[in-house]
Amino acid sequence: MVTLVTDATSVTTFCKGPPDHPTVTPSIAQRLGFRTNRLPAAERRRLTGARAAFALFVVQPSVAILAAASHGHLGTRVLAAALLSFALALVVLLAYERLGAVAQALTMAAGSAVIAVFIVTQEHGELYSVLYVAVILYACFYFSTGRAIVQVALVLALASATVLANEGLGAATEVVILNLGAFAVAAAIGISLRRRFVGAVERAQRTAATLDGFFLHAHAGFGVLDSDLRHVRVNQALADLMALPPDQIEGRTLREVAPFNADILEPLAHTVARSGKPMLGIEIHSPEGRSHLVSYYPLPGVGVGTAVMDVTHLKDVERRLEEMNRRLTVLATTDELTGLPNRRMLAEQLDLALARARRSGTAVAVLCLDLDRFKEVNDTLGHSYGDDMLVAVSAKLRAGARDTDVVARLGGDEFVVLLADLDVQEAPALAATVVERLHAVLEEPVAIGPVELKVEASVGVAIYPLDSRDAKGLLAVADAAMYAGKTAFVRVA
């Protein structure tokens, strides 16, 4: 197998390629450049060298034929040499992957011999020596430095011999010296261009290898789409997300591989391509219920880049955290036994109510309620009966309060009812009405298993701004009023 490879000093050289890198044979249209296709990088380099040699062997004899025809010296030998050069051009283009290093050198020598034919056969043939410059430039650009020097030396020797045979020693000396200078300059230019080009190619290859490392091995799905939103390239992660092999995605449009979300994604991708501004973190859902984040990036001259991440697990974790936070919030602000707001929630609600009252000039009423002889229930019937009694009392208090009132349990058998946004003049009467309703709902005995318990409670009332102007003062006044008038009792019926 013969390939065109790149080393540290040569862009492309005809030599045997490594057996583990099979040669891809391009079609005639690809060789001539009429049809593009995704060839491997090494194959593209080989094809570039072959096209350059093809152009060299076609253009040089064509120029020589035009020059000879313009002076009326177009003869059989000129045409034969031109045909030979054309034949070499076809051989190089059509069989470059099977040409070895020796065959390439012989081909280049044959091209130089064609020029020699023009020099020998044409009047003022020494003028055709300028055609050797193209051969030297090609050899210095596409050959390694050592081989390029050998080719330049052979070309110089051949050019000198032909001029000498055509002009004689005296006249040839000047031409040879001029050729030597021209060829040396051409060789220096070719070698310099090659070295710069090789450096650029190597840097580009290192950059491409680095980017390919990220592109191919990233856990996120990456893809490149052309202006028609047709997938040009995808990595394995994106193929796994789409549940298709990469070769079944590349060449297909976004709608063809993702029809479920195409109506959402296509307009966004077109917008990115037109505006040149990325769109990041677009959440979509697959038919299987999985969540993905899709981002589009503009790729000038190419199309649009896409990045896709499966965030199903993260969404599940997020939902669990939100649920956990909700539960923790409930636990932190709710009495576990009765489900009523606890002391912490009551303090927050009371502060908010007082803040509104200060702004709007309204009143706030605090009702502290305590069950008498509750300890006797625990001592005589047990704590489970006491807990059931507290749950039943909580439901009665919630039923007796208004919908807008806050009923909270401070702990033990102590409860608070908060009345907010009251008219200052009407607040005492309204608070008294609520107290009466609470006593009324508590009059019905509480049935706990085979036992009926009758509950009575004492209630103390404090009103902002009449009794106190802060939360701590209101609770203290209401609590004191409750204990001052405590006459409630609990009887076991």
Protein backbone atom coordinates (compact mmCIF):
# COMPACT_ATOMS: atom_id res chain seq x y z
CA MET A 1 0.00 0.00 0.00
CA VAL A 2 1.31 3.46 -0.90
CA THR A 3 0.24 6.59 0.94
CA LEU A 4 1.24 10.23 1.15
CA VAL A 5 2.46 11.00 4.69
CA THR A 6 3.66 14.03 6.62
CA ASP A 7 6.83 14.17 8.73
CA ALA A 8 8.66 16.96 10.56
CA THR A 9 10.17 18.39 7.37
CA SER A 10 7.70 17.51 4.67
CA VAL A 11 4.05 18.27 4.05
CA THR A 12 3.31 15.29 1.82
CA THR A 13 5.74 12.67 0.59
CA PHE A 14 5.16 9.61 -1.55
CA CYS A 15 6.15 6.60 0.55
CA LYS A 16 4.69 3.47 2.05
CA GLY A 17 2.07 4.18 4.66
CA PRO A 18 1.60 2.33 7.94
CA PRO A 19 -0.43 -0.87 7.62
CA ASP A 20 -2.86 0.10 10.37
CA HIS A 21 -4.11 3.17 8.47
CA PRO A 22 -5.94 1.90 5.39
CA THR A 23 -5.99 4.09 2.29
CA VAL A 24 -9.35 5.49 1.23
CA THR A 25 -9.60 5.49 -2.55
CA PRO A 26 -11.35 8.64 -3.80
CA SER A 27 -13.42 8.72 -6.94
CA ILE A 28 -12.34 10.41 -10.20
CA ALA A 29 -14.62 13.35 -9.43
CA GLN A 30 -13.03 13.71 -6.01
CA ARG A 31 -9.54 13.53 -7.47
CA LEU A 32 -10.35 16.30 -9.93
CA GLY A 33 -12.08 18.38 -7.25
CA PHE A 34 -15.50 18.27 -8.92
CA ARG A 35 -17.07 16.62 -5.90
CA THR A 36 -16.17 17.08 -2.26
CA ASN A 37 -16.48 14.38 0.32
CA ARG A 38 -15.31 13.79 3.83
CA LEU A 39 -11.97 12.10 3.30
CA PRO A 40 -9.56 11.40 6.17
CA ALA A 41 -7.01 14.13 6.81
CA ALA A 42 -4.10 11.99 5.59
CA GLU A 43 -5.97 11.20 2.38
CA ARG A 44 -6.69 14.89 1.79
CA ARG A 45 -2.97 15.68 2.13
CA ARG A 46 -2.06 12.97 -0.35
CA LEU A 47 -4.69 14.19 -2.78
CA THR A 48 -3.47 17.78 -2.46
CA GLY A 49 0.04 16.74 -3.49
CA ALA A 50 -1.29 14.73 -6.42
CA ARG A 51 -3.38 17.66 -7.65
CA ALA A 52 -0.36 19.96 -7.44
CA ALA A 53 1.73 17.54 -9.52
CA PHE A 54 -1.15 17.16 -11.98
CA ALA A 55 -1.35 20.93 -12.41
CA LEU A 56 2.44 21.11 -12.88
CA PHE A 57 2.49 18.48 -15.64
CA VAL A 58 -0.49 20.07 -17.41
CA VAL A 59 0.34 23.77 -17.17
CA GLN A 60 4.04 23.59 -18.13
CA PRO A 61 3.64 21.85 -21.53
CA SER A 62 0.58 23.95 -22.25
CA VAL A 63 2.64 27.11 -21.78
CA ALA A 64 5.42 25.64 -23.92
CA ILE A 65 2.98 24.72 -26.72
CA LEU A 66 1.56 28.24 -26.74
CA ALA A 67 5.07 29.71 -26.87
CA ALA A 68 6.14 27.42 -29.71
CA ALA A 69 2.93 28.04 -31.66
CA SER A 70 3.36 31.80 -31.35
CA HIS A 71 6.75 31.50 -33.16
CA GLY A 72 5.57 28.90 -35.65
CA HIS A 73 7.83 26.20 -34.22
CA LEU A 74 5.13 23.76 -33.12
CA GLY A 75 6.44 20.40 -34.29
CA THR A 76 6.01 16.70 -33.71
CA ARG A 77 8.64 16.49 -30.97
CA VAL A 78 7.03 19.36 -29.08
CA LEU A 79 3.63 17.71 -29.23
CA ALA A 80 5.09 14.34 -28.23
CA ALA A 81 6.79 15.89 -25.20
CA ALA A 82 3.56 17.66 -24.26
CA LEU A 83 1.57 14.44 -24.58
CA LEU A 84 4.13 12.68 -22.38
CA SER A 85 3.70 15.39 -19.75
CA PHE A 86 -0.08 15.09 -19.95
CA ALA A 87 0.23 11.34 -19.54
CA LEU A 88 2.40 11.84 -16.46
CA ALA A 89 -0.25 14.19 -15.07
CA LEU A 90 -2.91 11.52 -15.41
CA VAL A 91 -0.66 8.86 -13.91
CA VAL A 92 0.08 11.01 -10.87
CA LEU A 93 -3.57 11.95 -10.30
CA LEU A 94 -5.14 8.56 -10.96
CA ALA A 95 -2.53 6.35 -9.31
CA TYR A 96 -0.88 8.54 -6.69
CA GLU A 97 -1.80 6.17 -3.85
CA ARG A 98 0.17 3.38 -5.60
CA LEU A 99 3.28 5.43 -6.41
CA GLY A 100 6.29 4.88 -4.15
CA ALA A 101 9.07 7.32 -3.39
CA VAL A 102 11.26 6.05 -6.26
CA ALA A 103 8.37 6.16 -8.71
CA GLN A 104 7.63 9.73 -7.70
CA ALA A 105 11.24 10.78 -8.17
CA LEU A 106 11.27 9.16 -11.62
CA THR A 107 8.02 10.90 -12.48
CA MET A 108 9.49 14.25 -11.52
CA ALA A 109 12.60 13.44 -13.54
CA ALA A 110 10.42 12.64 -16.55
CA GLY A 111 8.70 16.01 -16.14
CA SER A 112 12.09 17.71 -16.13
CA ALA A 113 13.03 15.74 -19.26
CA VAL A 114 9.94 17.10 -21.02
CA ILE A 115 11.22 20.62 -20.40
CA ALA A 116 14.61 19.55 -21.70
CA VAL A 117 12.98 18.45 -24.94
CA PHE A 118 11.56 21.94 -25.42
CA ILE A 119 14.96 23.50 -24.72
CA VAL A 120 16.75 21.26 -27.22
CA THR A 121 14.20 21.27 -30.00
CA GLN A 122 13.08 24.90 -30.03
CA GLU A 123 14.80 27.96 -31.38
CA HIS A 124 15.95 30.04 -28.43
CA GLY A 125 15.26 26.96 -26.34
CA GLU A 126 17.23 28.34 -23.41
CA LEU A 127 14.23 30.56 -22.71
CA TYR A 128 12.25 27.49 -21.71
CA SER A 129 14.59 26.98 -18.73
CA VAL A 130 12.24 29.16 -16.72
CA LEU A 131 9.81 26.22 -16.64
CA TYR A 132 12.21 24.42 -14.30
CA VAL A 133 11.33 26.94 -11.60
CA ALA A 134 7.87 25.36 -11.24
CA VAL A 135 9.45 21.90 -10.90
CA ILE A 136 11.83 23.18 -8.22
CA LEU A 137 9.06 24.94 -6.29
CA TYR A 138 6.97 21.78 -6.35
CA ALA A 139 9.85 19.55 -5.24
CA CYS A 140 10.93 21.89 -2.44
CA PHE A 141 7.38 22.29 -1.17
CA TYR A 142 6.22 18.67 -1.29
CA PHE A 143 9.50 16.76 -0.76
CA SER A 144 11.58 16.43 2.37
CA THR A 145 14.60 18.74 2.52
CA GLY A 146 17.10 16.05 1.51
CA ARG A 147 15.08 14.84 -1.43
CA ALA A 148 14.32 18.41 -2.49
CA ILE A 149 18.08 19.20 -2.63
CA VAL A 150 18.66 16.11 -4.75
CA GLN A 151 15.83 17.10 -7.10
CA VAL A 152 17.16 20.65 -7.43
CA ALA A 153 20.66 19.35 -8.19
CA LEU A 154 19.30 17.00 -10.87
CA VAL A 155 17.21 19.77 -12.41
CA LEU A 156 20.21 22.11 -12.45
CA ALA A 157 22.41 19.45 -14.04
CA LEU A 158 19.76 18.65 -16.65
CA ALA A 159 19.13 22.32 -17.43
CA SER A 160 22.84 23.01 -17.73
CA ALA A 161 23.39 20.00 -20.00
CA THR A 162 20.53 20.94 -22.33
CA VAL A 163 21.61 24.58 -22.57
CA LEU A 164 25.19 23.49 -23.19
CA ALA A 165 24.10 21.09 -25.91
CA ASN A 166 21.93 23.74 -27.49
CA GLU A 167 24.16 26.83 -27.23
CA GLY A 168 27.76 25.71 -26.79
CA LEU A 169 30.06 26.40 -23.87
CA GLY A 170 30.51 30.14 -24.36
CA ALA A 171 26.91 31.11 -24.67
CA ALA A 172 25.74 28.53 -22.12
CA THR A 173 27.87 29.81 -19.25
CA GLU A 174 25.80 32.93 -18.76
CA VAL A 175 22.53 31.00 -18.98
CA VAL A 176 23.76 28.39 -16.49
CA ILE A 177 24.79 31.07 -14.00
CA LEU A 178 21.42 32.77 -14.35
CA ASN A 179 19.66 29.44 -13.95
CA LEU A 180 21.72 28.65 -10.88
CA GLY A 181 20.66 31.89 -9.22
CA ALA A 182 17.01 31.54 -10.22
CA PHE A 183 16.85 27.90 -9.13
CA ALA A 184 18.52 28.68 -5.79
CA VAL A 185 16.01 31.45 -5.09
CA ALA A 186 13.11 29.19 -6.10
CA ALA A 187 14.43 26.39 -3.88
CA ALA A 188 14.85 28.74 -0.92
CA ILE A 189 11.32 30.06 -1.38
CA GLY A 190 9.89 26.55 -1.71
CA ILE A 191 11.68 25.22 1.37
CA SER A 192 10.72 28.30 3.42
CA LEU A 193 7.09 28.02 2.36
CA ARG A 194 7.10 24.31 3.16
CA ARG A 195 8.52 24.83 6.63
CA ARG A 196 6.01 27.56 7.40
CA PHE A 197 3.22 25.45 6.02
CA VAL A 198 4.35 22.38 7.94
CA GLY A 199 4.48 24.43 11.16
CA ALA A 200 0.99 25.75 10.53
CA VAL A 201 -0.27 22.25 9.72
CA GLU A 202 1.30 20.78 12.84
CA ARG A 203 -0.19 23.51 15.03
CA ALA A 204 -3.55 23.01 13.38
CA GLN A 205 -3.27 19.26 13.91
CA ARG A 206 -2.42 19.70 17.58
CA THR A 207 -5.31 22.11 18.02
CA ALA A 208 -7.65 19.77 16.14
CA ALA A 209 -6.45 16.81 18.23
CA THR A 210 -7.09 18.77 21.43
CA LEU A 211 -10.56 19.83 20.31
CA ASP A 212 -11.32 16.31 19.08
CA GLY A 213 -10.30 14.97 22.48
CA PHE A 214 -12.91 17.16 24.15
CA PHE A 215 -15.48 16.65 21.38
CA LEU A 216 -15.24 12.88 21.13
CA HIS A 217 -14.77 11.95 24.79
CA ALA A 218 -16.95 14.51 26.58
CA HIS A 219 -19.87 13.17 28.61
CA ALA A 220 -22.11 15.86 27.12
CA GLY A 221 -23.48 15.35 23.62
CA PHE A 222 -21.83 17.62 21.02
CA GLY A 223 -22.77 18.05 17.37
CA VAL A 224 -22.19 20.32 14.38
CA LEU A 225 -25.10 21.28 12.11
CA ASP A 226 -24.86 23.01 8.74
CA SER A 227 -27.04 25.91 7.62
CA ASP A 228 -29.83 23.46 6.74
CA LEU A 229 -29.65 22.00 10.28
CA ARG A 230 -28.23 18.79 8.89
CA HIS A 231 -25.88 16.99 11.25
CA VAL A 232 -22.32 17.20 9.94
CA ARG A 233 -20.64 15.56 12.90
CA VAL A 234 -21.70 14.17 16.28
CA ASN A 235 -19.87 12.58 19.17
CA GLN A 236 -20.72 9.26 20.76
CA ALA A 237 -22.40 10.88 23.76
CA LEU A 238 -24.91 12.67 21.51
CA ALA A 239 -25.50 9.45 19.59
CA ASP A 240 -26.21 7.66 22.88
CA LEU A 241 -28.70 10.37 23.90
CA MET A 242 -30.49 9.98 20.56
CA ALA A 243 -30.27 6.18 20.77
CA LEU A 244 -28.83 6.02 17.24
CA PRO A 245 -25.37 5.14 15.86
CA PRO A 246 -23.37 8.22 14.76
CA ASP A 247 -23.47 7.19 11.09
CA GLN A 248 -27.28 7.18 11.24
CA ILE A 249 -27.33 10.74 12.58
CA GLU A 250 -24.70 12.40 10.40
CA GLY A 251 -26.23 13.64 7.18
CA ARG A 252 -29.75 13.77 8.63
CA THR A 253 -31.63 16.90 9.66
CA LEU A 254 -32.57 17.91 13.18
CA ARG A 255 -36.23 17.12 12.46
CA GLU A 256 -35.35 13.66 11.18
CA VAL A 257 -33.48 12.61 14.32
CA ALA A 258 -35.49 14.58 16.91
CA PRO A 259 -39.04 14.98 15.53
CA PHE A 260 -40.59 15.16 19.00
CA ASN A 261 -38.93 18.52 19.80
CA ALA A 262 -38.22 19.79 16.28
CA ASP A 263 -40.90 22.49 16.43
CA ILE A 264 -39.10 23.97 19.45
CA LEU A 265 -35.48 23.46 18.44
CA GLU A 266 -35.53 24.33 14.73
CA PRO A 267 -36.58 27.99 15.15
CA LEU A 268 -34.02 28.44 17.94
CA ALA A 269 -31.19 26.97 15.86
CA HIS A 270 -32.09 29.15 12.86
CA THR A 271 -32.18 32.21 15.13
CA VAL A 272 -28.69 31.44 16.44
CA ALA A 273 -27.39 30.98 12.89
CA ARG A 274 -28.86 34.33 11.80
CA SER A 275 -28.06 36.41 14.88
CA GLY A 276 -24.67 34.95 15.73
CA LYS A 277 -25.66 34.88 19.41
CA PRO A 278 -25.78 31.64 21.43
CA MET A 279 -28.84 30.29 23.21
CA LEU A 280 -28.04 28.33 26.33
CA GLY A 281 -29.87 25.93 28.62
CA ILE A 282 -33.07 25.25 26.67
CA GLU A 283 -34.95 22.57 28.60
CA ILE A 284 -36.70 19.91 26.54
CA HIS A 285 -38.26 16.56 27.35
CA SER A 286 -38.05 13.34 25.40
CA PRO A 287 -41.05 11.07 24.73
CA GLU A 288 -39.64 8.77 27.41
CA GLY A 289 -39.94 11.59 29.96
CA ARG A 290 -36.23 12.36 30.23
CA SER A 291 -35.09 15.98 30.65
CA HIS A 292 -32.34 17.53 28.54
CA LEU A 293 -30.66 20.93 28.39
CA VAL A 294 -29.87 22.00 24.81
CA SER A 295 -27.54 24.88 23.91
CA TYR A 296 -26.80 26.30 20.46
CA TYR A 297 -23.63 28.16 19.47
CA PRO A 298 -22.97 30.03 16.22
CA LEU A 299 -20.21 28.54 14.04
CA PRO A 300 -19.44 31.18 11.38
CA GLY A 301 -19.02 29.66 7.95
CA VAL A 302 -20.19 26.25 9.16
CA GLY A 303 -23.61 26.51 10.77
CA VAL A 304 -24.55 25.84 14.38
CA GLY A 305 -22.92 23.88 17.16
CA THR A 306 -25.11 22.06 19.66
CA ALA A 307 -24.50 20.74 23.15
CA VAL A 308 -26.98 18.42 24.86
CA MET A 309 -26.91 17.26 28.47
CA ASP A 310 -29.18 14.70 30.10
CA VAL A 311 -30.30 16.36 33.34
CA THR A 312 -32.98 13.85 34.29
CA HIS A 313 -31.07 12.76 37.37
CA LEU A 314 -30.37 16.38 38.37
CA LYS A 315 -34.05 17.24 37.95
CA ASP A 316 -34.99 14.28 40.14
CA VAL A 317 -32.52 15.41 42.78
CA GLU A 318 -33.86 18.96 42.52
CA ARG A 319 -37.42 17.77 43.00
CA ARG A 320 -36.42 15.66 45.98
CA LEU A 321 -34.58 18.61 47.52
CA GLU A 322 -37.57 20.89 46.97
CA GLU A 323 -39.86 18.33 48.59
CA MET A 324 -37.42 17.91 51.46
CA ASN A 325 -37.20 21.68 51.93
CA ARG A 326 -40.97 21.90 51.90
CA ARG A 327 -41.23 19.20 54.52
CA LEU A 328 -38.51 20.80 56.64
CA THR A 329 -40.31 24.12 56.37
CA VAL A 330 -43.55 22.48 57.48
CA LEU A 331 -41.78 20.76 60.37
CA ALA A 332 -40.11 24.00 61.38
CA THR A 333 -43.34 26.02 61.36
CA THR A 334 -46.03 23.46 62.23
CA ASP A 335 -46.93 21.72 65.45
CA GLU A 336 -46.29 18.03 64.83
CA LEU A 337 -49.21 16.76 66.92
CA THR A 338 -52.06 19.08 65.89
CA GLY A 339 -50.88 20.39 62.51
CA LEU A 340 -51.45 23.97 63.69
CA PRO A 341 -48.81 26.71 63.26
CA ASN A 342 -46.23 26.50 66.04
CA ARG A 343 -44.66 29.23 68.17
CA ARG A 344 -42.18 30.17 65.41
CA MET A 345 -44.86 30.58 62.75
CA LEU A 346 -47.06 32.52 65.17
CA ALA A 347 -44.20 34.96 65.86
CA GLU A 348 -43.71 35.52 62.12
CA GLN A 349 -47.44 36.02 61.48
CA LEU A 350 -47.77 38.36 64.46
CA ASP A 351 -44.82 40.49 63.26
CA LEU A 352 -46.35 40.73 59.79
CA ALA A 353 -49.77 41.63 61.19
CA LEU A 354 -48.27 44.37 63.39
CA ALA A 355 -46.28 45.77 60.44
CA ARG A 356 -49.47 46.02 58.37
CA ALA A 357 -51.31 47.56 61.28
CA ARG A 358 -48.67 50.27 61.73
CA ARG A 359 -48.85 51.18 58.03
CA SER A 360 -52.64 51.14 57.72
CA GLY A 361 -53.68 52.28 61.20
CA THR A 362 -55.60 49.07 61.95
CA ALA A 363 -55.73 46.91 65.06
CA VAL A 364 -54.49 43.39 65.95
CA ALA A 365 -56.05 41.15 68.63
CA VAL A 366 -54.24 38.30 70.39
CA LEU A 367 -56.30 35.66 72.20
CA CYS A 368 -54.38 33.35 74.57
CA LEU A 369 -56.27 30.18 75.50
CA ASP A 370 -55.37 27.57 78.10
CA LEU A 371 -57.16 24.30 79.00
CA ASP A 372 -57.80 23.87 82.71
CA ARG A 373 -57.02 20.61 84.52
CA PHE A 374 -55.46 19.15 81.40
CA LYS A 375 -52.82 17.55 83.59
CA GLU A 376 -55.54 15.47 85.23
CA VAL A 377 -56.41 13.91 81.88
CA ASN A 378 -52.80 12.87 81.34
CA ASP A 379 -52.48 11.59 84.89
CA THR A 380 -55.77 9.64 85.02
CA LEU A 381 -56.23 8.46 81.43
CA GLY A 382 -52.70 8.57 80.03
CA HIS A 383 -50.82 10.76 77.60
CA SER A 384 -52.38 9.15 74.53
CA TYR A 385 -55.80 10.40 75.67
CA GLY A 386 -54.28 13.79 76.34
CA ASP A 387 -52.82 13.92 72.83
CA ASP A 388 -56.13 12.90 71.27
CA MET A 389 -57.85 15.58 73.32
CA LEU A 390 -55.41 18.25 72.06
CA VAL A 391 -56.02 17.19 68.46
CA ALA A 392 -59.79 17.42 68.96
CA VAL A 393 -59.53 20.81 70.67
CA SER A 394 -57.34 22.09 67.80
CA ALA A 395 -60.02 21.15 65.28
CA LYS A 396 -62.71 22.87 67.40
CA LEU A 397 -60.65 26.05 67.70
CA ARG A 398 -60.03 26.11 63.96
CA ALA A 399 -63.76 25.71 63.38
CA GLY A 400 -64.63 28.48 65.84
CA ALA A 401 -62.11 31.03 64.44
CA ARG A 402 -62.61 33.03 61.26
CA ASP A 403 -61.02 31.88 58.02
CA THR A 404 -58.57 34.77 58.13
CA ASP A 405 -57.53 34.14 61.76
CA VAL A 406 -54.36 32.27 62.73
CA VAL A 407 -54.82 29.48 65.28
CA ALA A 408 -51.50 28.32 66.74
CA ARG A 409 -50.36 25.97 69.47
CA LEU A 410 -47.61 27.34 71.70
CA GLY A 411 -47.03 24.03 73.49
CA GLY A 412 -48.72 21.85 76.07
CA ASP A 413 -52.35 22.95 76.36
CA GLU A 414 -51.71 26.59 75.38
CA PHE A 415 -53.16 28.01 72.16
CA VAL A 416 -53.22 31.46 70.56
CA VAL A 417 -55.71 32.91 68.10
CA LEU A 418 -54.46 35.89 66.09
CA LEU A 419 -56.96 38.38 64.60
CA ALA A 420 -55.39 40.84 62.17
CA ASP A 421 -56.44 43.86 60.08
CA LEU A 422 -59.23 44.95 62.49
CA ASP A 423 -60.83 48.34 62.85
CA VAL A 424 -59.43 49.96 65.99
CA GLN A 425 -62.86 50.96 67.32
CA GLU A 426 -64.46 47.60 66.54
CA ALA A 427 -61.56 45.39 67.63
CA PRO A 428 -62.64 44.84 71.29
CA ALA A 429 -66.18 43.83 70.28
CA LEU A 430 -64.97 41.58 67.50
CA ALA A 431 -62.47 39.91 69.83
CA ALA A 432 -65.23 39.29 72.37
CA THR A 433 -67.39 37.74 69.64
CA VAL A 434 -64.61 35.34 68.67
CA VAL A 435 -64.09 34.39 72.33
CA GLU A 436 -67.80 33.54 72.63
CA ARG A 437 -67.62 31.39 69.49
CA LEU A 438 -64.61 29.53 70.87
CA HIS A 439 -66.40 28.83 74.15
CA ALA A 440 -69.41 27.66 72.17
CA VAL A 441 -67.50 25.15 70.07
CA LEU A 442 -65.70 23.83 73.16
CA GLU A 443 -68.99 23.13 75.00
CA GLU A 444 -69.58 19.95 73.01
CA PRO A 445 -67.90 16.99 74.80
CA VAL A 446 -64.93 15.38 73.10
CA ALA A 447 -65.34 11.64 72.48
CA ILE A 448 -62.07 9.71 72.74
CA GLY A 449 -62.71 6.00 72.48
CA PRO A 450 -65.19 4.99 75.20
CA VAL A 451 -64.60 8.22 77.14
CA GLU A 452 -66.24 11.62 76.70
CA LEU A 453 -64.32 14.64 77.92
CA LYS A 454 -65.89 18.06 78.46
CA VAL A 455 -63.45 20.89 77.88
CA GLU A 456 -63.55 24.39 79.31
CA ALA A 457 -60.89 27.01 78.75
CA SER A 458 -59.84 30.44 79.94
CA VAL A 459 -59.11 33.10 77.35
CA GLY A 460 -57.13 36.32 77.74
CA VAL A 461 -57.29 39.12 75.15
CA ALA A 462 -54.81 41.87 74.24
CA ILE A 463 -55.31 44.43 71.45
CA TYR A 464 -52.80 46.53 69.51
CA PRO A 465 -52.50 49.48 69.88
CA LEU A 466 -54.72 49.68 72.97
CA ASP A 467 -52.88 47.26 75.29
CA SER A 468 -49.38 47.14 73.83
CA ARG A 469 -47.49 48.21 70.68
CA ASP A 470 -45.22 45.19 70.18
CA ALA A 471 -45.57 41.44 69.84
CA LYS A 472 -43.89 40.55 73.11
CA GLY A 473 -46.06 42.98 75.05
CA LEU A 474 -49.29 41.76 73.45
CA LEU A 475 -48.54 38.12 74.30
CA ALA A 476 -47.63 39.08 77.86
CA VAL A 477 -50.84 41.10 78.38
CA ALA A 478 -53.04 38.35 76.89
CA ASP A 479 -51.30 35.68 78.94
CA ALA A 480 -51.72 37.66 82.14
CA ALA A 481 -55.41 38.27 81.40
CA MET A 482 -55.90 34.55 80.78
CA TYR A 483 -54.40 33.51 84.10
CA ALA A 484 -56.20 36.28 85.97
CA GLY A 485 -59.60 35.01 84.92
CA LYS A 486 -58.75 31.28 84.85
CA THR A 487 -61.84 29.38 85.96
CA ALA A 488 -62.00 26.65 83.29
CA PHE A 489 -61.95 23.03 84.29
CA VAL A 490 -61.94 19.59 82.72
CA ARG A 491 -64.48 17.03 83.88
CA VAL A 492 -64.47 13.32 83.04
CA ALA A 493 -68.03 12.38 82.17
